[in-house]
PDB file of N, CA and C in Angstrom:
ATOM      1  N   MET A   1      22.371 -24.062  49.694  1.00  0.00           N
ATOM      2  CA  MET A   1      22.493 -25.256  48.984  1.00  0.00           C
ATOM      3  C   MET A   1      20.868 -24.681  48.023  1.00  0.00           C
ATOM      4  N   LEU A   2      20.752 -25.231  47.502  1.00  0.00           N
ATOM      5  CA  LEU A   2      19.307 -24.980  46.365  1.00  0.00           C
ATOM      6  C   LEU A   2      18.931 -25.845  46.690  1.00  0.00           C
ATOM      7  N   THR A   3      17.171 -26.108  47.290  1.00  0.00           N
ATOM      8  CA  THR A   3      16.306 -26.779  46.686  1.00  0.00           C
ATOM      9  C   THR A   3      15.517 -27.122  45.469  1.00  0.00           C
ATOM     10  N   PRO A   4      15.108 -28.077  45.501  1.00  0.00           N
ATOM     11  CA  PRO A   4      14.528 -28.728  44.051  1.00  0.00           C
ATOM     12  C   PRO A   4      13.745 -27.567  43.527  1.00  0.00           C
ATOM     13  N   GLU A   5      12.620 -27.313  45.075  1.00  0.00           N
ATOM     14  CA  GLU A   5      11.879 -26.533  44.168  1.00  0.00           C
ATOM     15  C   GLU A   5      12.401 -24.904  43.648  1.00  0.00           C
ATOM     16  N   GLN A   6      13.343 -25.042  44.693  1.00  0.00           N
ATOM     17  CA  GLN A   6      14.465 -23.566  44.107  1.00  0.00           C
ATOM     18  C   GLN A   6      15.319 -23.509  42.886  1.00  0.00           C
ATOM     19  N   LEU A   7      15.883 -24.525  42.495  1.00  0.00           N
ATOM     20  CA  LEU A   7      16.257 -24.534  41.309  1.00  0.00           C
ATOM     21  C   LEU A   7      15.264 -24.760  39.689  1.00  0.00           C
ATOM     22  N   ARG A   8      13.779 -25.256  40.171  1.00  0.00           N
ATOM     23  CA  ARG A   8      12.879 -25.602  39.400  1.00  0.00           C
ATOM     24  C   ARG A   8      12.780 -23.683  39.032  1.00  0.00           C
ATOM     25  N   SER A   9      12.305 -23.130  40.362  1.00  0.00           N
ATOM     26  CA  SER A   9      11.631 -21.593  39.780  1.00  0.00           C
ATOM     27  C   SER A   9      13.080 -20.657  39.088  1.00  0.00           C
ATOM     28  N   THR A  10      14.086 -21.045  39.962  1.00  0.00           N
ATOM     29  CA  THR A  10      15.671 -19.757  39.045  1.00  0.00           C
ATOM     30  C   THR A  10      15.301 -20.342  37.649  1.00  0.00           C
ATOM     31  N   LEU A  11      15.277 -21.635  37.462  1.00  0.00           N
ATOM     32  CA  LEU A  11      15.353 -22.726  36.082  1.00  0.00           C
ATOM     33  C   LEU A  11      14.008 -21.809  34.637  1.00  0.00           C
ATOM     34  N   GLU A  12      12.884 -21.944  35.358  1.00  0.00           N
ATOM     35  CA  GLU A  12      12.333 -21.069  35.033  1.00  0.00           C
ATOM     36  C   GLU A  12      11.630 -19.905  34.635  1.00  0.00           C
ATOM     37  N   THR A  13      11.676 -19.276  35.250  1.00  0.00           N
ATOM     38  CA  THR A  13      11.723 -17.720  35.726  1.00  0.00           C
ATOM     39  C   THR A  13      13.328 -17.615  34.497  1.00  0.00           C
ATOM     40  N   GLU A  14      14.133 -18.193  34.388  1.00  0.00           N
ATOM     41  CA  GLU A  14      15.806 -18.142  33.501  1.00  0.00           C
ATOM     42  C   GLU A  14      15.121 -18.238  32.299  1.00  0.00           C
ATOM     43  N   ARG A  15      13.699 -19.206  31.748  1.00  0.00           N
ATOM     44  CA  ARG A  15      13.228 -19.543  30.083  1.00  0.00           C
ATOM     45  C   ARG A  15      12.661 -19.084  30.225  1.00  0.00           C
ATOM     46  N   GLN A  16      11.635 -17.755  30.859  1.00  0.00           N
ATOM     47  CA  GLN A  16      10.468 -17.107  30.175  1.00  0.00           C
ATOM     48  C   GLN A  16      11.811 -16.081  30.056  1.00  0.00           C
ATOM     49  N   PHE A  17      12.363 -15.381  30.892  1.00  0.00           N
ATOM     50  CA  PHE A  17      13.331 -13.944  30.512  1.00  0.00           C
ATOM     51  C   PHE A  17      14.134 -13.994  28.776  1.00  0.00           C
ATOM     52  N   ARG A  18      14.434 -15.541  28.665  1.00  0.00           N
ATOM     53  CA  ARG A  18      14.592 -15.866  27.247  1.00  0.00           C
ATOM     54  C   ARG A  18      13.994 -16.116  26.677  1.00  0.00           C
ATOM     55  N   ASN A  19      12.625 -16.404  26.980  1.00  0.00           N
ATOM     56  CA  ASN A  19      12.043 -16.203  25.093  1.00  0.00           C
ATOM     57  C   ASN A  19      10.926 -14.857  25.436  1.00  0.00           C
ATOM     58  N   VAL A  20      11.680 -14.013  26.508  1.00  0.00           N
ATOM     59  CA  VAL A  20      11.211 -12.608  26.441  1.00  0.00           C
ATOM     60  C   VAL A  20      11.897 -11.790  25.464  1.00  0.00           C
ATOM     61  N   LEU A  21      13.233 -11.811  25.749  1.00  0.00           N
ATOM     62  CA  LEU A  21      14.412 -11.634  24.294  1.00  0.00           C
ATOM     63  C   LEU A  21      14.582 -11.590  23.703  1.00  0.00           C
ATOM     64  N   LEU A  22      14.025 -13.183  22.897  1.00  0.00           N
ATOM     65  CA  LEU A  22      13.679 -13.624  21.953  1.00  0.00           C
ATOM     66  C   LEU A  22      12.710 -13.042  21.076  1.00  0.00           C
ATOM     67  N   SER A  23      11.639 -13.111  21.189  1.00  0.00           N
ATOM     68  CA  SER A  23      10.770 -12.573  20.802  1.00  0.00           C
ATOM     69  C   SER A  23      10.837 -10.945  20.234  1.00  0.00           C
ATOM     70  N   ALA A  24      11.942 -10.469  21.930  1.00  0.00           N
ATOM     71  CA  ALA A  24      11.633  -8.679  21.731  1.00  0.00           C
ATOM     72  C   ALA A  24      12.713  -8.859  20.129  1.00  0.00           C
ATOM     73  N   ALA A  25      14.226  -9.532  20.182  1.00  0.00           N
ATOM     74  CA  ALA A  25      14.472  -9.071  19.003  1.00  0.00           C
ATOM     75  C   ALA A  25      13.770  -9.605  17.756  1.00  0.00           C
ATOM     76  N   LYS A  26      12.877 -10.817  18.065  1.00  0.00           N
ATOM     77  CA  LYS A  26      12.446 -11.003  16.740  1.00  0.00           C
ATOM     78  C   LYS A  26      11.625  -9.642  15.793  1.00  0.00           C
ATOM     79  N   VAL A  27      10.898  -8.884  16.347  1.00  0.00           N
ATOM     80  CA  VAL A  27       9.975  -7.775  16.484  1.00  0.00           C
ATOM     81  C   VAL A  27      11.231  -6.509  15.791  1.00  0.00           C
ATOM     82  N   THR A  28      12.263  -6.710  16.754  1.00  0.00           N
ATOM     83  CA  THR A  28      12.867  -5.363  15.898  1.00  0.00           C
ATOM     84  C   THR A  28      13.396  -5.600  14.922  1.00  0.00           C
ATOM     85  N   GLU A  29      13.989  -6.892  14.206  1.00  0.00           N
ATOM     86  CA  GLU A  29      14.458  -7.475  12.580  1.00  0.00           C
ATOM     87  C   GLU A  29      13.297  -6.255  12.241  1.00  0.00           C
ATOM     88  N   PRO A  30      13.911  -5.699  11.262  1.00  0.00           N
ATOM     89  CA  PRO A  30      13.482  -5.541  10.348  1.00  0.00           C
ATOM     90  C   PRO A  30      13.261  -6.052   8.930  1.00  0.00           C
ATOM     91  N   LYS A  31      11.378  -6.166   8.212  1.00  0.00           N
ATOM     92  CA  LYS A  31      10.765  -7.023   7.383  1.00  0.00           C
ATOM     93  C   LYS A  31      11.860  -6.916   5.780  1.00  0.00           C
ATOM     94  N   PRO A  32      12.090  -7.736   4.976  1.00  0.00           N
ATOM     95  CA  PRO A  32      13.090  -7.803   4.246  1.00  0.00           C
ATOM     96  C   PRO A  32      11.741  -6.711   3.037  1.00  0.00           C
ATOM     97  N   PRO A  33      12.235  -6.342   1.875  1.00  0.00           N
ATOM     98  CA  PRO A  33      12.005  -5.978   1.504  1.00  0.00           C
ATOM     99  C   PRO A  33      10.709  -6.602   0.337  1.00  0.00           C
ATOM    100  N   SER A  34       9.480  -5.558   0.409  1.00  0.00           N
ATOM    101  CA  SER A  34       8.636  -6.475  -1.209  1.00  0.00           C
ATOM    102  C   SER A  34       8.655  -6.336  -2.307  1.00  0.00           C
ATOM    103  N   VAL A  35       8.848  -7.759  -2.779  1.00  0.00           N
ATOM    104  CA  VAL A  35       8.644  -7.666  -4.379  1.00  0.00           C
ATOM    105  C   VAL A  35       8.292  -6.761  -4.913  1.00  0.00           C
ATOM    106  N   TRP A  36       7.290  -6.119  -4.377  1.00  0.00           N
ATOM    107  CA  TRP A  36       5.977  -5.245  -5.140  1.00  0.00           C
ATOM    108  C   TRP A  36       6.958  -3.441  -5.497  1.00  0.00           C
ATOM    109  N   SER A  37       7.468  -3.716  -4.152  1.00  0.00           N
ATOM    110  CA  SER A  37       8.251  -2.430  -4.381  1.00  0.00           C
ATOM    111  C   SER A  37       9.027  -2.175  -5.657  1.00  0.00           C
ATOM    112  N   GLY A  38      10.026  -3.015  -5.542  1.00  0.00           N
ATOM    113  CA  GLY A  38      10.866  -3.463  -6.737  1.00  0.00           C
ATOM    114  C   GLY A  38      10.101  -3.254  -8.030  1.00  0.00           C
ATOM    115  N   VAL A  39       9.232  -3.683  -8.032  1.00  0.00           N
ATOM    116  CA  VAL A  39       8.362  -3.405  -9.277  1.00  0.00           C
ATOM    117  C   VAL A  39       8.144  -2.583  -9.915  1.00  0.00           C
ATOM    118  N   GLY A  40       7.445  -1.643  -9.392  1.00  0.00           N
ATOM    119  CA  GLY A  40       7.177  -0.760  -8.756  1.00  0.00           C
ATOM    120  C   GLY A  40       7.953   0.441  -9.379  1.00  0.00           C
ATOM    121  N   LYS A  41       9.246  -0.359  -8.604  1.00  0.00           N
ATOM    122  CA  LYS A  41      10.925   1.418  -8.590  1.00  0.00           C
ATOM    123  C   LYS A  41      10.786   0.253 -10.837  1.00  0.00           C
ATOM    124  N   LEU A  42      10.968  -1.012 -11.001  1.00  0.00           N
ATOM    125  CA  LEU A  42      11.695  -1.447 -11.787  1.00  0.00           C
ATOM    126  C   LEU A  42      10.655  -0.108 -13.304  1.00  0.00           C
ATOM    127  N   LEU A  43       9.073  -0.215 -13.227  1.00  0.00           N
ATOM    128  CA  LEU A  43       7.995   0.255 -13.821  1.00  0.00           C
ATOM    129  C   LEU A  43       8.347   1.629 -13.800  1.00  0.00           C
ATOM    130  N   LEU A  44       9.328   2.306 -13.104  1.00  0.00           N
ATOM    131  CA  LEU A  44       8.831   4.179 -12.838  1.00  0.00           C
ATOM    132  C   LEU A  44      10.474   4.223 -13.434  1.00  0.00           C
ATOM    133  N   LYS A  45      10.912   3.297 -13.398  1.00  0.00           N
ATOM    134  CA  LYS A  45      11.875   3.916 -13.943  1.00  0.00           C
ATOM    135  C   LYS A  45      12.312   3.586 -16.200  1.00  0.00           C
ATOM    136  N   ALA A  46      11.209   2.518 -16.121  1.00  0.00           N
ATOM    137  CA  ALA A  46      11.520   2.262 -18.130  1.00  0.00           C
ATOM    138  C   ALA A  46      10.018   2.924 -18.655  1.00  0.00           C
ATOM    139  N   ILE A  47       9.476   3.158 -17.219  1.00  0.00           N
ATOM    140  CA  ILE A  47       8.344   3.685 -18.666  1.00  0.00           C
ATOM    141  C   ILE A  47       8.579   5.466 -18.450  1.00  0.00           C
ATOM    142  N   PRO A  48       9.067   6.280 -19.531  1.00  0.00           N
ATOM    143  CA  PRO A  48       9.281   7.344 -20.233  1.00  0.00           C
ATOM    144  C   PRO A  48       8.531   8.493 -19.169  1.00  0.00           C
ATOM    145  N   ALA A  49       8.913   9.810 -18.579  1.00  0.00           N
ATOM    146  CA  ALA A  49       7.803  10.481 -18.029  1.00  0.00           C
ATOM    147  C   ALA A  49       6.833  11.716 -19.268  1.00  0.00           C
ATOM    148  N   ASN A  50       7.211  11.549 -21.058  1.00  0.00           N
ATOM    149  CA  ASN A  50       6.557  11.406 -21.456  1.00  0.00           C
ATOM    150  C   ASN A  50       5.138  11.210 -21.859  1.00  0.00           C
ATOM    151  N   VAL A  51       5.602   9.731 -21.208  1.00  0.00           N
ATOM    152  CA  VAL A  51       4.186   8.468 -21.491  1.00  0.00           C
ATOM    153  C   VAL A  51       3.460   9.124 -20.513  1.00  0.00           C
ATOM    154  N   VAL A  52       3.985   9.092 -19.297  1.00  0.00           N
ATOM    155  CA  VAL A  52       3.609   8.901 -17.829  1.00  0.00           C
ATOM    156  C   VAL A  52       2.079  10.324 -18.389  1.00  0.00           C
ATOM    157  N   ARG A  53       2.563  11.026 -18.002  1.00  0.00           N
ATOM    158  CA  ARG A  53       1.983  12.491 -18.669  1.00  0.00           C
ATOM    159  C   ARG A  53       0.819  11.998 -19.587  1.00  0.00           C
ATOM    160  N   ASP A  54       1.138  11.804 -21.018  1.00  0.00           N
ATOM    161  CA  ASP A  54       0.253  11.545 -21.748  1.00  0.00           C
ATOM    162  C   ASP A  54      -1.049  10.757 -21.314  1.00  0.00           C
ATOM    163  N   ALA A  55      -0.278   9.785 -20.736  1.00  0.00           N
ATOM    164  CA  ALA A  55      -1.674   9.101 -19.720  1.00  0.00           C
ATOM    165  C   ALA A  55      -2.393   9.746 -19.385  1.00  0.00           C
ATOM    166  N   ILE A  56      -1.680  10.476 -17.899  1.00  0.00           N
ATOM    167  CA  ILE A  56      -3.081  11.278 -17.214  1.00  0.00           C
ATOM    168  C   ILE A  56      -3.773  12.113 -17.567  1.00  0.00           C
ATOM    169  N   VAL A  57      -3.053  13.328 -19.088  1.00  0.00           N
ATOM    170  CA  VAL A  57      -3.627  13.869 -19.474  1.00  0.00           C
ATOM    171  C   VAL A  57      -4.605  13.376 -20.255  1.00  0.00           C
ATOM    172  N   GLY A  58      -4.552  12.460 -21.700  1.00  0.00           N
ATOM    173  CA  GLY A  58      -5.340  11.880 -22.068  1.00  0.00           C
ATOM    174  C   GLY A  58      -6.474  11.572 -20.820  1.00  0.00           C
ATOM    175  N   GLY A  59      -6.417  10.359 -20.305  1.00  0.00           N
ATOM    176  CA  GLY A  59      -7.289  10.404 -19.748  1.00  0.00           C
ATOM    177  C   GLY A  59      -8.251  11.406 -18.833  1.00  0.00           C
ATOM    178  N   GLY A  60      -7.486  12.206 -17.795  1.00  0.00           N
ATOM    179  CA  GLY A  60      -8.489  13.357 -17.493  1.00  0.00           C
ATOM    180  C   GLY A  60      -9.038  14.325 -19.020  1.00  0.00           C
ATOM    181  N   LYS A  61      -8.882  14.723 -19.913  1.00  0.00           N
ATOM    182  CA  LYS A  61      -9.565  15.100 -21.218  1.00  0.00           C
ATOM    183  C   LYS A  61     -10.948  14.200 -21.258  1.00  0.00           C
ATOM    184  N   ALA A  62     -11.071  12.832 -21.310  1.00  0.00           N
ATOM    185  CA  ALA A  62     -11.915  11.830 -21.885  1.00  0.00           C
ATOM    186  C   ALA A  62     -12.827  11.764 -20.321  1.00  0.00           C
ATOM    187  N   ILE A  63     -12.116  11.484 -19.134  1.00  0.00           N
ATOM    188  CA  ILE A  63     -13.349  11.753 -17.867  1.00  0.00           C
ATOM    189  C   ILE A  63     -14.189  13.447 -18.244  1.00  0.00           C
ATOM    190  N   LEU A  64     -13.768  14.417 -18.632  1.00  0.00           N
ATOM    191  CA  LEU A  64     -13.738  15.526 -18.546  1.00  0.00           C
ATOM    192  C   LEU A  64     -14.633  14.861 -20.386  1.00  0.00           C
ATOM    193  N   ALA A  65     -14.841  14.933 -21.130  1.00  0.00           N
ATOM    194  CA  ALA A  65     -15.091  14.570 -22.696  1.00  0.00           C
ATOM    195  C   ALA A  65     -16.569  14.035 -22.048  1.00  0.00           C
ATOM    196  N   ASN A  66     -16.400  12.945 -21.443  1.00  0.00           N
ATOM    197  CA  ASN A  66     -17.610  11.991 -20.769  1.00  0.00           C
ATOM    198  C   ASN A  66     -18.009  12.904 -19.842  1.00  0.00           C
ATOM    199  N   ARG A  67     -18.148  13.942 -18.543  1.00  0.00           N
ATOM    200  CA  ARG A  67     -18.906  14.225 -17.789  1.00  0.00           C
ATOM    201  C   ARG A  67     -19.943  15.199 -18.885  1.00  0.00           C
ATOM    202  N   GLN A  68     -19.595  16.116 -20.548  1.00  0.00           N
ATOM    203  CA  GLN A  68     -19.487  17.171 -20.925  1.00  0.00           C
ATOM    204  C   GLN A  68     -20.941  16.292 -21.450  1.00  0.00           C
ATOM    205  N   ARG A  69     -19.954  15.460 -22.519  1.00  0.00           N
ATOM    206  CA  ARG A  69     -21.334  14.676 -22.915  1.00  0.00           C
ATOM    207  C   ARG A  69     -22.700  14.165 -22.361  1.00  0.00           C
ATOM    208  N   SER A  70     -22.372  13.987 -20.485  1.00  0.00           N
ATOM    209  CA  SER A  70     -23.191  13.284 -19.857  1.00  0.00           C
ATOM    210  C   SER A  70     -24.160  14.726 -19.932  1.00  0.00           C
ATOM    211  N   ALA A  71     -23.457  15.684 -19.201  1.00  0.00           N
ATOM    212  CA  ALA A  71     -24.005  16.908 -18.959  1.00  0.00           C
ATOM    213  C   ALA A  71     -25.665  17.741 -19.963  1.00  0.00           C
ATOM    214  N   ASP A  72     -25.171  17.316 -21.447  1.00  0.00           N
ATOM    215  CA  ASP A  72     -25.224  17.767 -22.495  1.00  0.00           C
ATOM    216  C   ASP A  72     -26.470  16.573 -22.905  1.00  0.00           C
ATOM    217  N   GLN A  73     -26.453  15.587 -22.173  1.00  0.00           N
ATOM    218  CA  GLN A  73     -27.989  14.611 -22.849  1.00  0.00           C
ATOM    219  C   GLN A  73     -28.657  15.287 -21.539  1.00  0.00           C
ATOM    220  N   ASP A  74     -28.515  15.647 -20.746  1.00  0.00           N
ATOM    221  CA  ASP A  74     -28.891  15.827 -19.349  1.00  0.00           C
ATOM    222  C   ASP A  74     -30.309  17.028 -19.695  1.00  0.00           C
ATOM    223  N   GLN A  75     -29.449  17.640 -20.489  1.00  0.00           N
ATOM    224  CA  GLN A  75     -29.832  19.109 -20.589  1.00  0.00           C
ATOM    225  C   GLN A  75     -31.086  18.935 -21.467  1.00  0.00           C
ATOM    226  N   PRO A  76     -32.370  20.242 -21.908  1.00  0.00           N
ATOM    227  CA  PRO A  76     -33.605  19.693 -23.170  1.00  0.00           C
ATOM    228  C   PRO A  76     -33.239  20.861 -23.476  1.00  0.00           C
ATOM    229  N   VAL A  77     -33.356  19.975 -24.798  1.00  0.00           N
ATOM    230  CA  VAL A  77     -33.232  20.914 -25.810  1.00  0.00           C
ATOM    231  C   VAL A  77     -34.320  22.174 -26.161  1.00  0.00           C
ATOM    232  N   PRO A  78     -33.134  22.942 -27.087  1.00  0.00           N
ATOM    233  CA  PRO A  78     -33.952  24.151 -25.880  1.00  0.00           C
ATOM    234  C   PRO A  78     -35.176  24.301 -27.430  1.00  0.00           C
ATOM    235  N   GLU A  79     -36.035  25.616 -27.229  1.00  0.00           N
ATOM    236  CA  GLU A  79     -37.812  25.198 -28.565  1.00  0.00           C
ATOM    237  C   GLU A  79     -37.762  25.368 -29.025  1.00  0.00           C
ATOM    238  N   ALA A  80     -36.343  26.273 -28.959  1.00  0.00           N
ATOM    239  CA  ALA A  80     -35.863  27.810 -30.635  1.00  0.00           C
ATOM    240  C   ALA A  80     -35.514  26.452 -32.103  1.00  0.00           C
ATOM    241  N   THR A  81     -34.395  25.522 -31.158  1.00  0.00           N
ATOM    242  CA  THR A  81     -33.436  24.631 -32.244  1.00  0.00           C
ATOM    243  C   THR A  81     -34.686  23.347 -32.993  1.00  0.00           C
ATOM    244  N   LYS A  82     -35.590  23.337 -32.150  1.00  0.00           N
ATOM    245  CA  LYS A  82     -36.556  21.887 -32.696  1.00  0.00           C
ATOM    246  C   LYS A  82     -37.335  22.670 -33.970  1.00  0.00           C
ATOM    247  N   GLN A  83     -37.605  22.026 -34.416  1.00  0.00           N
ATOM    248  CA  GLN A  83     -38.251  21.821 -36.215  1.00  0.00           C
ATOM    249  C   GLN A  83     -39.326  20.173 -36.467  1.00  0.00           C
TER     250      GLN A  83
END
């Protein structure tokens, strides 16, 4: 026969074990997919590849042109071209 203290201890141990199991089950549940991942996939499928390529190439050319312009402005003007 169990004493009230032994019964209380047993029930508390079972409660702790149950809580550990429930928290472990929560951790193992996969998170639902983000809305933004779906939007990203939709945009990738909706925009044609040549538009993306042209945007990247155009952006690269603009960056290079800006660098060249700023490099040209930093160079001193040669004496032979001054009048």
